[in-house]
Protein backbone atom coordinates (compact mmCIF):
# COMPACT_ATOMS: atom_id res chain seq x y z
CA MET A 1 0.13 0.01 -0.06
CA ALA A 2 1.28 3.56 -0.93
CA ASN A 3 0.46 4.92 2.40
CA ASP A 4 1.38 1.81 4.52
CA ASN A 5 2.14 2.76 8.09
CA ILE A 6 1.99 0.94 11.50
CA LEU A 7 -1.81 1.57 11.91
CA SER A 8 -2.72 0.51 8.33
CA HIS A 9 0.01 -2.24 7.95
CA GLU A 10 -1.14 -5.48 5.88
CA ARG A 11 -4.57 -3.79 5.38
CA LEU A 12 -5.62 -3.52 9.04
CA ARG A 13 -4.80 -7.14 9.64
CA TYR A 14 -3.97 -6.61 13.48
CA LEU A 15 -6.97 -4.40 13.89
CA ARG A 16 -9.23 -7.29 12.57
CA TRP A 17 -7.46 -9.60 15.01
CA ALA A 18 -7.82 -7.21 17.94
CA SER A 19 -11.53 -6.56 17.05
CA GLY A 20 -12.28 -10.20 16.75
CA LEU A 21 -10.82 -10.95 20.26
CA MET A 22 -12.60 -8.01 21.74
CA ALA A 23 -15.84 -9.16 19.99
CA ALA A 24 -15.48 -12.83 21.22
CA SER A 25 -14.78 -11.60 24.74
CA ILE A 26 -17.82 -9.22 25.00
CA LEU A 27 -19.99 -11.96 23.43
CA TRP A 28 -18.92 -14.70 25.94
CA TYR A 29 -19.10 -12.21 28.97
CA SER A 30 -22.63 -11.24 27.94
CA LEU A 31 -23.85 -14.94 27.53
CA ASP A 32 -22.02 -16.03 30.71
CA GLU A 33 -24.04 -16.54 33.89
CA PRO A 34 -21.66 -17.62 36.79
CA ARG A 35 -23.20 -18.74 39.88
CA PHE A 36 -21.56 -16.13 42.19
CA GLY A 37 -21.32 -13.17 39.55
CA PRO A 38 -18.59 -12.25 37.34
CA GLY A 39 -15.09 -12.01 38.39
CA GLY A 40 -11.62 -13.30 37.74
CA GLY A 41 -12.44 -16.63 39.55
CA THR A 42 -14.87 -17.89 37.08
CA VAL A 43 -14.16 -20.17 34.06
CA LEU A 44 -14.48 -16.90 31.85
CA GLY A 45 -12.41 -15.10 34.26
CA TYR A 46 -9.59 -17.46 34.27
CA THR A 47 -9.66 -17.66 30.60
CA LEU A 48 -9.69 -13.98 29.86
CA GLY A 49 -6.93 -13.41 32.57
CA THR A 50 -4.73 -16.10 30.90
CA ILE A 51 -5.25 -14.45 27.55
CA SER A 52 -4.35 -11.00 29.02
CA ALA A 53 -1.37 -12.28 30.94
CA LEU A 54 -0.07 -14.04 27.59
CA LEU A 55 -0.65 -10.81 25.61
CA ILE A 56 1.10 -8.60 28.29
CA VAL A 57 4.21 -10.89 28.11
CA TRP A 58 4.09 -10.93 24.23
CA LEU A 59 3.80 -7.28 24.09
CA LEU A 60 6.84 -6.79 26.47
CA LEU A 61 8.78 -9.00 23.97
CA TYR A 62 8.43 -6.29 21.31
CA GLY A 63 11.27 -4.45 22.96
CA ILE A 64 13.47 -7.58 22.38
CA ARG A 65 12.13 -8.11 18.77
CA LYS A 66 12.83 -4.59 17.48
CA ARG A 67 16.50 -4.87 18.69
CA SER A 68 17.00 -8.19 17.04
CA TYR A 69 18.68 -7.15 13.88
CA MET A 70 19.29 -10.75 12.80
CA GLY A 71 15.58 -11.12 11.87
CA GLY A 72 12.97 -13.41 13.39
CA ILE A 73 9.26 -14.18 12.95
CA GLY A 74 7.60 -11.32 11.22
CA THR A 75 8.88 -7.91 10.76
CA VAL A 76 9.49 -5.16 13.07
CA ARG A 77 6.78 -3.16 11.54
CA ALA A 78 4.22 -6.08 11.71
CA TRP A 79 5.01 -6.50 15.28
CA LEU A 80 4.60 -2.88 15.97
CA SER A 81 1.43 -2.97 14.34
CA ALA A 82 0.23 -5.96 16.32
CA HIS A 83 1.72 -4.36 19.50
CA VAL A 84 -0.45 -1.35 19.03
CA TYR A 85 -3.80 -3.02 18.38
CA LEU A 86 -3.68 -6.11 20.70
CA GLY A 87 -2.26 -3.63 23.40
CA LEU A 88 -5.53 -1.67 22.96
CA SER A 89 -7.59 -4.83 22.97
CA LEU A 90 -6.32 -5.39 26.44
CA LEU A 91 -8.51 -2.66 27.85
CA VAL A 92 -11.56 -4.78 26.88
CA VAL A 93 -10.14 -8.28 27.60
CA ALA A 94 -8.55 -7.53 30.95
CA THR A 95 -11.61 -5.23 32.13
CA LEU A 96 -13.89 -8.35 31.54
CA HIS A 97 -11.61 -10.58 33.26
CA THR A 98 -12.01 -8.46 36.54
CA GLY A 99 -15.78 -8.68 36.34
CA PHE A 100 -15.55 -4.96 37.08
CA GLN A 101 -14.50 -5.83 40.76
CA PHE A 102 -11.89 -3.41 42.01
CA GLY A 103 -10.39 -2.81 45.37
CA ILE A 104 -7.21 -1.76 47.09
CA ASN A 105 -5.17 -4.77 46.46
CA VAL A 106 -2.24 -5.97 44.00
CA HIS A 107 -5.03 -7.28 41.38
CA THR A 108 -6.17 -3.68 41.04
CA LEU A 109 -2.63 -2.17 41.09
CA ALA A 110 -1.93 -4.60 38.19
CA TYR A 111 -4.75 -3.38 36.17
CA GLY A 112 -4.12 0.16 36.90
CA LEU A 113 -0.74 -0.11 35.79
CA MET A 114 -1.96 -1.76 32.74
CA VAL A 115 -4.21 1.08 31.78
CA ALA A 116 -1.24 3.60 32.36
CA VAL A 117 0.95 1.61 29.95
CA ILE A 118 -1.70 1.55 27.43
CA ALA A 119 -2.22 5.22 27.90
CA SER A 120 1.45 5.89 27.49
CA GLY A 121 1.45 3.63 24.53
CA VAL A 122 -1.23 5.92 22.94
CA TRP A 123 0.89 8.82 23.44
CA GLY A 124 3.72 6.94 21.95
CA VAL A 125 1.93 6.14 18.72
CA ALA A 126 1.02 9.83 18.46
CA VAL A 127 4.67 10.73 18.99
CA TYR A 128 5.85 7.93 16.68
CA MET A 129 3.41 9.00 13.75
CA ARG A 130 4.03 12.83 14.17
CA ASN A 131 7.52 13.35 15.21
CA PRO A 132 9.71 11.48 12.63
CA GLY A 133 8.33 13.06 9.78
CA LEU A 134 8.75 16.44 11.28
CA MET A 135 12.19 15.65 12.50
CA SER A 136 13.33 14.58 9.03
CA ASP A 137 11.86 17.88 7.36
CA LEU A 138 13.59 19.82 9.98
CA LEU A 139 17.03 18.17 9.12
CA ASP A 140 16.24 18.64 5.52
CA GLY A 141 17.85 15.48 4.36
CA ARG A 142 21.16 16.03 6.30
CA THR A 143 22.44 14.62 9.66
CA LEU A 144 22.61 16.54 12.84
CA GLU A 145 26.66 16.46 12.43
CA GLN A 146 26.21 18.10 8.88
CA HIS A 147 24.18 20.82 10.44
CA ALA A 148 26.76 21.38 13.12
CA ALA A 149 29.51 21.41 10.62
CA ALA A 150 27.54 23.91 8.60
CA LEU A 151 27.23 26.26 11.59
CA ASN A 152 30.94 26.05 12.39
CA GLU A 153 31.53 27.06 8.56
CA LEU A 154 29.37 30.02 8.85
CA ASP A 155 30.86 31.06 12.23
CA GLY A 156 34.27 30.99 10.62
CA GLN A 157 33.08 33.28 7.74
CA ALA A 158 31.46 35.62 9.99
CA LYS A 159 34.51 36.14 12.22
CA ALA A 160 36.71 36.67 9.11
CA LEU A 161 34.28 39.17 7.88
CA GLY A 162 33.65 40.79 11.10
CA ALA A 163 37.38 41.27 11.84
CA LYS A 164 37.77 43.22 8.45
CA ILE A 165 35.02 45.52 9.34
CA ALA A 166 35.55 46.59 12.99
CA PRO A 167 36.07 45.12 16.45
CA ARG A 168 32.51 45.32 17.49
CA PHE A 169 31.42 43.35 14.47
CA LEU A 170 33.93 40.69 15.43
CA GLU A 171 32.62 40.62 18.88
CA LEU A 172 29.08 40.07 17.56
CA ALA A 173 30.25 37.12 15.46
CA GLU A 174 32.07 35.48 18.38
CA ALA A 175 29.21 36.00 20.78
CA SER A 176 26.97 34.49 18.14
CA ALA A 177 29.26 31.46 17.63
CA ALA A 178 29.50 31.06 21.49
CA SER A 179 25.56 30.92 21.80
CA PRO A 180 24.35 27.45 23.15
CA ILE A 181 22.35 25.55 20.51
CA ALA A 182 19.65 24.24 23.24
CA HIS A 183 19.23 23.97 26.99
CA PRO A 184 20.50 20.83 28.66
CA GLY A 185 18.22 18.43 30.16
CA TRP A 186 14.53 18.68 30.63
CA ARG A 187 14.53 22.50 29.93
CA ARG A 188 14.98 21.67 26.23
CA LEU A 189 11.35 20.42 26.31
CA PHE A 190 9.80 23.81 26.88
CA ARG A 191 12.16 26.58 26.97
CA LYS A 192 13.54 28.79 24.24
CA VAL A 193 17.21 29.70 24.38
CA LYS A 194 17.25 33.23 26.14
CA GLY A 195 19.97 35.70 25.32
CA CYS A 196 20.76 34.08 22.19
CA GLY A 197 23.79 35.54 20.62
CA THR A 198 22.67 34.90 17.00
CA THR A 199 19.43 36.56 17.65
CA ALA A 200 21.12 39.71 19.08
CA ALA A 201 23.38 39.56 16.40
CA VAL A 202 20.83 39.56 13.58
CA ALA A 203 18.82 42.38 15.51
CA SER A 204 21.97 44.58 15.86
CA LEU A 205 23.06 44.23 12.43
CA GLN A 206 19.58 44.79 10.89
CA SER A 207 19.77 48.31 12.54
CA ASP A 208 23.26 48.77 11.35
CA MET A 209 22.87 47.94 7.68
CA ARG A 210 23.35 50.86 5.19
CA ALA A 211 23.42 50.45 1.36
CA SER A 212 27.02 51.74 1.18
CA GLU A 213 28.28 48.99 3.57
CA ARG A 214 28.46 45.87 1.68
CA GLU A 215 30.36 43.89 4.23
CA VAL A 216 27.75 44.55 6.95
CA ARG A 217 24.95 43.28 4.68
CA GLU A 218 27.00 40.22 4.14
CA LEU A 219 27.65 39.73 7.73
CA PHE A 220 23.89 40.04 8.41
CA ALA A 221 23.14 37.58 5.83
CA LEU A 222 25.39 35.11 7.44
CA GLN A 223 23.92 35.69 10.73
CA PHE A 224 20.36 35.33 9.46
CA ARG A 225 21.18 31.92 8.01
CA ARG A 226 22.94 30.91 11.20
CA LEU A 227 19.66 31.78 13.02
CA GLN A 228 17.48 29.87 10.53
CA GLN A 229 19.69 27.01 11.00
CA LEU A 230 19.64 27.13 14.68
CA LYS A 231 15.97 27.40 14.79
CA ARG A 232 15.76 24.02 12.79
CA ILE A 233 18.31 22.30 15.11
CA ARG A 234 16.51 23.52 18.19
CA ALA A 235 13.16 22.47 17.13
CA TYR A 236 14.64 18.88 16.23
CA LEU A 237 16.23 18.47 19.43
CA ARG A 238 13.10 19.52 21.29
CA LEU A 239 11.09 16.81 19.36
CA ARG A 240 13.73 14.11 20.12
CA ALA A 241 13.69 15.17 23.78
CA TRP A 242 9.83 14.49 23.92
CA THR A 243 10.58 11.17 22.12
CA GLU A 244 13.07 10.20 24.94
CA VAL A 245 10.74 11.39 27.74
CA TRP A 246 8.09 8.96 26.26
CA LEU A 247 10.68 6.11 26.40
CA LEU A 248 11.41 7.09 30.09
CA VAL A 249 7.63 6.78 31.06
CA HIS A 250 6.54 3.73 28.88
CA VAL A 251 9.51 1.38 29.58
CA PRO A 252 9.51 1.72 33.48
CA LEU A 253 5.75 1.48 33.62
CA SER A 254 5.96 -1.56 31.40
CA ILE A 255 8.62 -3.21 33.80
CA ALA A 256 6.22 -2.25 36.82
CA LEU A 257 3.33 -3.75 35.16
CA LEU A 258 5.19 -7.08 34.68
CA ALA A 259 6.11 -7.15 38.47
CA ALA A 260 2.47 -6.34 39.34
CA LEU A 261 1.15 -9.12 36.98
CA LEU A 262 3.55 -11.66 38.66
CA GLY A 263 2.34 -10.69 42.08
CA HIS A 264 -1.30 -10.84 40.87
CA ILE A 265 -0.77 -14.38 39.57
CA LEU A 266 1.07 -15.58 42.76
CA ALA A 267 -1.74 -14.07 44.94
CA VAL A 268 -4.31 -15.94 42.89
CA PHE A 269 -2.73 -19.18 43.11
CA THR A 270 -1.74 -18.63 46.71
CA TYR A 271 -4.79 -17.53 48.39
CA TRP A 272 -7.78 -18.39 45.97
């Protein structure tokens, strides 16, 4: 398919699988009449609980499959598509497994962590579908290292030109070159770089330009190009930081879910 992506992969094969699983679960739940009411301890409850547990373990295996460069069963894209749709189906299957019985215990903790993992997964799909295209556009077909090399080249030209004009223009070029590309750490997610030397240089040179001073106009053009390149790099780094933040949320939540799931299973077979 021309517009094939993780959601439409193989003509929505895994959406159909997930829909079939959810429909079968809902149908069985609606027809089931357990003696002591719905819950995890009924035949249906155990069946849906087993399916849910196996699904969770399988979904966690995606992290191993996507790093398995030697190949395996199915493509990484197919695994990711199945990961998305079967992960969403857990909301129905696992909820019906509980029989809508919740309390302050390890069972509800496991369920809550599952919902949190799925919610973070939905966020991850949005990040995955939106950011890579934007990030590619921002880099304009070049690597981050190539953009950095282009900045260094512009800085060299600007300093040489500024030295020819006057000391204060050299100082502007040097201050612009020393301006940080982005904030470190979490501040990169939200904050723009304040006191940017390149922005200040562009503003100063714009007010200094006169028709007779060709060198000043050339220096302005260099600084303006530098500012546009900086904006691209900063936007790219901000998007990449958001992607990294998602991983810092989704992966630990998934590990916590696995631990809670083991606790849930042990509690069931120990006390029930």
